Amino acid sequence: MTTIRQDFEAVGRRAIEVVTQAIRGAELHPSPLVVPTLVVRESTAPPAATDA
């Protein structure tokens, strides 16, 4: 099964930064997204053909 791996540590750090800035009353700027990684596994295959 193909999945997506997300760096949850980096997501958490960014969340804390945003909350800290909000508490301090700082102007919030959009931060870059944490880019996920596509993990293609061996079980990935095209769908089976069906007889219609």
PDB file of N, CA and C in Angstrom:
ATOM      1  N   MET A   1       0.846  -1.171   0.000  1.00  0.00           N
ATOM      2  CA  MET A   1       0.000   0.000   0.000  1.00  0.00           C
ATOM      3  C   MET A   1       0.895   1.239   0.000  1.00  0.00           C
ATOM      4  N   THR A   2       0.656   2.120  -0.919  1.00  0.00           N
ATOM      5  CA  THR A   2       1.399   3.377  -0.990  1.00  0.00           C
ATOM      6  C   THR A   2       0.885   4.312   0.101  1.00  0.00           C
ATOM      7  N   THR A   3       1.808   4.965   0.783  1.00  0.00           N
ATOM      8  CA  THR A   3       1.430   5.863   1.877  1.00  0.00           C
ATOM      9  C   THR A   3       2.198   7.173   1.766  1.00  0.00           C
ATOM     10  N   ILE A   4       1.857   8.084   2.646  1.00  0.00           N
ATOM     11  CA  ILE A   4       2.567   9.352   2.733  1.00  0.00           C
ATOM     12  C   ILE A   4       3.178   9.447   4.121  1.00  0.00           C
ATOM     13  N   ARG A   5       4.466   9.782   4.180  1.00  0.00           N
ATOM     14  CA  ARG A   5       5.157   9.947   5.457  1.00  0.00           C
ATOM     15  C   ARG A   5       5.278  11.439   5.736  1.00  0.00           C
ATOM     16  N   GLN A   6       4.844  11.837   6.927  1.00  0.00           N
ATOM     17  CA  GLN A   6       4.882  13.240   7.333  1.00  0.00           C
ATOM     18  C   GLN A   6       5.842  13.391   8.509  1.00  0.00           C
ATOM     19  N   ASP A   7       6.661  14.410   8.481  1.00  0.00           N
ATOM     20  CA  ASP A   7       7.598  14.693   9.574  1.00  0.00           C
ATOM     21  C   ASP A   7       6.825  15.402  10.688  1.00  0.00           C
ATOM     22  N   PHE A   8       6.234  14.623  11.595  1.00  0.00           N
ATOM     23  CA  PHE A   8       5.386  15.193  12.636  1.00  0.00           C
ATOM     24  C   PHE A   8       6.179  16.044  13.628  1.00  0.00           C
ATOM     25  N   GLU A   9       7.450  15.770  13.786  1.00  0.00           N
ATOM     26  CA  GLU A   9       8.283  16.612  14.657  1.00  0.00           C
ATOM     27  C   GLU A   9       8.370  18.029  14.083  1.00  0.00           C
ATOM     28  N   ALA A  10       8.597  18.131  12.781  1.00  0.00           N
ATOM     29  CA  ALA A  10       8.670  19.444  12.127  1.00  0.00           C
ATOM     30  C   ALA A  10       7.314  20.145  12.167  1.00  0.00           C
ATOM     31  N   VAL A  11       6.234  19.405  11.984  1.00  0.00           N
ATOM     32  CA  VAL A  11       4.890  19.986  12.050  1.00  0.00           C
ATOM     33  C   VAL A  11       4.649  20.539  13.454  1.00  0.00           C
ATOM     34  N   GLY A  12       5.040  19.782  14.474  1.00  0.00           N
ATOM     35  CA  GLY A  12       4.883  20.229  15.853  1.00  0.00           C
ATOM     36  C   GLY A  12       5.685  21.481  16.157  1.00  0.00           C
ATOM     37  N   ARG A  13       6.923  21.523  15.668  1.00  0.00           N
ATOM     38  CA  ARG A  13       7.757  22.717  15.880  1.00  0.00           C
ATOM     39  C   ARG A  13       7.113  23.946  15.254  1.00  0.00           C
ATOM     40  N   ARG A  14       6.613  23.790  14.035  1.00  0.00           N
ATOM     41  CA  ARG A  14       5.961  24.921  13.361  1.00  0.00           C
ATOM     42  C   ARG A  14       4.715  25.361  14.125  1.00  0.00           C
ATOM     43  N   ALA A  15       3.951  24.413  14.628  1.00  0.00           N
ATOM     44  CA  ALA A  15       2.739  24.754  15.383  1.00  0.00           C
ATOM     45  C   ALA A  15       3.092  25.555  16.630  1.00  0.00           C
ATOM     46  N   ILE A  16       4.135  25.129  17.344  1.00  0.00           N
ATOM     47  CA  ILE A  16       4.563  25.844  18.549  1.00  0.00           C
ATOM     48  C   ILE A  16       5.029  27.250  18.198  1.00  0.00           C
ATOM     49  N   GLU A  17       5.752  27.393  17.088  1.00  0.00           N
ATOM     50  CA  GLU A  17       6.207  28.724  16.657  1.00  0.00           C
ATOM     51  C   GLU A  17       5.022  29.652  16.398  1.00  0.00           C
ATOM     52  N   VAL A  18       3.993  29.148  15.717  1.00  0.00           N
ATOM     53  CA  VAL A  18       2.824  29.966  15.396  1.00  0.00           C
ATOM     54  C   VAL A  18       2.077  30.358  16.666  1.00  0.00           C
ATOM     55  N   VAL A  19       1.885  29.409  17.569  1.00  0.00           N
ATOM     56  CA  VAL A  19       1.183  29.704  18.820  1.00  0.00           C
ATOM     57  C   VAL A  19       1.973  30.716  19.647  1.00  0.00           C
ATOM     58  N   THR A  20       3.283  30.549  19.721  1.00  0.00           N
ATOM     59  CA  THR A  20       4.127  31.479  20.478  1.00  0.00           C
ATOM     60  C   THR A  20       4.040  32.889  19.892  1.00  0.00           C
ATOM     61  N   GLN A  21       4.088  32.998  18.574  1.00  0.00           N
ATOM     62  CA  GLN A  21       3.967  34.311  17.930  1.00  0.00           C
ATOM     63  C   GLN A  21       2.608  34.932  18.218  1.00  0.00           C
ATOM     64  N   ALA A  22       1.558  34.132  18.185  1.00  0.00           N
ATOM     65  CA  ALA A  22       0.206  34.639  18.441  1.00  0.00           C
ATOM     66  C   ALA A  22       0.087  35.138  19.878  1.00  0.00           C
ATOM     67  N   ILE A  23       0.649  34.407  20.826  1.00  0.00           N
ATOM     68  CA  ILE A  23       0.592  34.812  22.234  1.00  0.00           C
ATOM     69  C   ILE A  23       1.328  36.135  22.438  1.00  0.00           C
ATOM     70  N   ARG A  24       2.439  36.289  21.753  1.00  0.00           N
ATOM     71  CA  ARG A  24       3.225  37.523  21.873  1.00  0.00           C
ATOM     72  C   ARG A  24       2.593  38.692  21.122  1.00  0.00           C
ATOM     73  N   GLY A  25       1.580  38.416  20.322  1.00  0.00           N
ATOM     74  CA  GLY A  25       0.930  39.475  19.553  1.00  0.00           C
ATOM     75  C   GLY A  25       1.675  39.840  18.292  1.00  0.00           C
ATOM     76  N   ALA A  26       2.610  39.010  17.883  1.00  0.00           N
ATOM     77  CA  ALA A  26       3.396  39.288  16.675  1.00  0.00           C
ATOM     78  C   ALA A  26       2.529  39.090  15.438  1.00  0.00           C
ATOM     79  N   GLU A  27       2.897  39.780  14.384  1.00  0.00           N
ATOM     80  CA  GLU A  27       2.197  39.600  13.114  1.00  0.00           C
ATOM     81  C   GLU A  27       2.510  38.210  12.580  1.00  0.00           C
ATOM     82  N   LEU A  28       1.467  37.473  12.241  1.00  0.00           N
ATOM     83  CA  LEU A  28       1.658  36.104  11.769  1.00  0.00           C
ATOM     84  C   LEU A  28       1.867  36.096  10.259  1.00  0.00           C
ATOM     85  N   HIS A  29       2.881  35.393   9.842  1.00  0.00           N
ATOM     86  CA  HIS A  29       3.186  35.233   8.423  1.00  0.00           C
ATOM     87  C   HIS A  29       3.019  33.762   8.079  1.00  0.00           C
ATOM     88  N   PRO A  30       2.487  33.471   6.903  1.00  0.00           N
ATOM     89  CA  PRO A  30       2.357  32.055   6.518  1.00  0.00           C
ATOM     90  C   PRO A  30       3.735  31.392   6.475  1.00  0.00           C
ATOM     91  N   SER A  31       3.843  30.258   7.110  1.00  0.00           N
ATOM     92  CA  SER A  31       5.119  29.544   7.080  1.00  0.00           C
ATOM     93  C   SER A  31       5.053  28.487   5.985  1.00  0.00           C
ATOM     94  N   PRO A  32       6.201  28.118   5.456  1.00  0.00           N
ATOM     95  CA  PRO A  32       6.196  27.097   4.404  1.00  0.00           C
ATOM     96  C   PRO A  32       5.647  25.779   4.940  1.00  0.00           C
ATOM     97  N   LEU A  33       5.007  25.031   4.060  1.00  0.00           N
ATOM     98  CA  LEU A  33       4.444  23.743   4.452  1.00  0.00           C
ATOM     99  C   LEU A  33       5.544  22.728   4.678  1.00  0.00           C
ATOM    100  N   VAL A  34       5.263  21.757   5.525  1.00  0.00           N
ATOM    101  CA  VAL A  34       6.162  20.619   5.695  1.00  0.00           C
ATOM    102  C   VAL A  34       5.796  19.639   4.586  1.00  0.00           C
ATOM    103  N   VAL A  35       6.716  19.404   3.697  1.00  0.00           N
ATOM    104  CA  VAL A  35       6.451  18.585   2.518  1.00  0.00           C
ATOM    105  C   VAL A  35       6.479  17.105   2.904  1.00  0.00           C
ATOM    106  N   PRO A  36       5.400  16.385   2.610  1.00  0.00           N
ATOM    107  CA  PRO A  36       5.382  14.951   2.916  1.00  0.00           C
ATOM    108  C   PRO A  36       6.209  14.166   1.896  1.00  0.00           C
ATOM    109  N   THR A  37       6.518  12.935   2.249  1.00  0.00           N
ATOM    110  CA  THR A  37       7.267  12.040   1.369  1.00  0.00           C
ATOM    111  C   THR A  37       6.348  10.914   0.916  1.00  0.00           C
ATOM    112  N   LEU A  38       6.293  10.655  -0.379  1.00  0.00           N
ATOM    113  CA  LEU A  38       5.506   9.552  -0.906  1.00  0.00           C
ATOM    114  C   LEU A  38       6.304   8.267  -0.740  1.00  0.00           C
ATOM    115  N   VAL A  39       5.697   7.265  -0.130  1.00  0.00           N
ATOM    116  CA  VAL A  39       6.349   5.978   0.084  1.00  0.00           C
ATOM    117  C   VAL A  39       5.601   4.937  -0.752  1.00  0.00           C
ATOM    118  N   VAL A  40       6.217   4.537  -1.866  1.00  0.00           N
ATOM    119  CA  VAL A  40       5.608   3.544  -2.744  1.00  0.00           C
ATOM    120  C   VAL A  40       6.066   2.172  -2.273  1.00  0.00           C
ATOM    121  N   ARG A  41       5.120   1.352  -1.924  1.00  0.00           N
ATOM    122  CA  ARG A  41       5.438   0.020  -1.394  1.00  0.00           C
ATOM    123  C   ARG A  41       5.313  -1.032  -2.493  1.00  0.00           C
ATOM    124  N   GLU A  42       5.848  -2.191  -2.219  1.00  0.00           N
ATOM    125  CA  GLU A  42       5.850  -3.278  -3.197  1.00  0.00           C
ATOM    126  C   GLU A  42       4.451  -3.782  -3.529  1.00  0.00           C
ATOM    127  N   SER A  43       3.493  -3.571  -2.648  1.00  0.00           N
ATOM    128  CA  SER A  43       2.156  -4.089  -2.893  1.00  0.00           C
ATOM    129  C   SER A  43       1.373  -3.226  -3.892  1.00  0.00           C
ATOM    130  N   THR A  44       1.967  -2.144  -4.349  1.00  0.00           N
ATOM    131  CA  THR A  44       1.275  -1.257  -5.287  1.00  0.00           C
ATOM    132  C   THR A  44       1.194  -1.919  -6.668  1.00  0.00           C
ATOM    133  N   ALA A  45       0.000  -1.941  -7.226  1.00  0.00           N
ATOM    134  CA  ALA A  45      -0.192  -2.530  -8.540  1.00  0.00           C
ATOM    135  C   ALA A  45      -1.405  -1.877  -9.189  1.00  0.00           C
ATOM    136  N   PRO A  46      -1.499  -1.927 -10.522  1.00  0.00           N
ATOM    137  CA  PRO A  46      -2.677  -1.382 -11.172  1.00  0.00           C
ATOM    138  C   PRO A  46      -3.904  -2.225 -10.813  1.00  0.00           C
ATOM    139  N   PRO A  47      -5.094  -1.661 -10.937  1.00  0.00           N
ATOM    140  CA  PRO A  47      -6.296  -2.438 -10.627  1.00  0.00           C
ATOM    141  C   PRO A  47      -6.425  -3.637 -11.563  1.00  0.00           C
ATOM    142  N   ALA A  48      -7.009  -4.678 -11.050  1.00  0.00           N
ATOM    143  CA  ALA A  48      -7.207  -5.890 -11.857  1.00  0.00           C
ATOM    144  C   ALA A  48      -8.253  -5.618 -12.936  1.00  0.00           C
ATOM    145  N   ALA A  49      -8.077  -6.240 -14.089  1.00  0.00           N
ATOM    146  CA  ALA A  49      -9.039  -6.107 -15.172  1.00  0.00           C
ATOM    147  C   ALA A  49     -10.325  -6.825 -14.793  1.00  0.00           C
ATOM    148  N   THR A  50     -11.450  -6.236 -15.167  1.00  0.00           N
ATOM    149  CA  THR A  50     -12.741  -6.867 -14.876  1.00  0.00           C
ATOM    150  C   THR A  50     -13.445  -7.193 -16.180  1.00  0.00           C
ATOM    151  N   ASP A  51     -14.205  -8.260 -16.184  1.00  0.00           N
ATOM    152  CA  ASP A  51     -15.016  -8.618 -17.341  1.00  0.00           C
ATOM    153  C   ASP A  51     -16.334  -7.899 -17.214  1.00  0.00           C
ATOM    154  N   ALA A  52     -16.635  -7.048 -18.176  1.00  0.00           N
ATOM    155  CA  ALA A  52     -17.891  -6.270 -18.104  1.00  0.00           C
ATOM    156  C   ALA A  52     -18.994  -6.909 -18.878  1.00  0.00           C
TER     157      ALA A  52
END
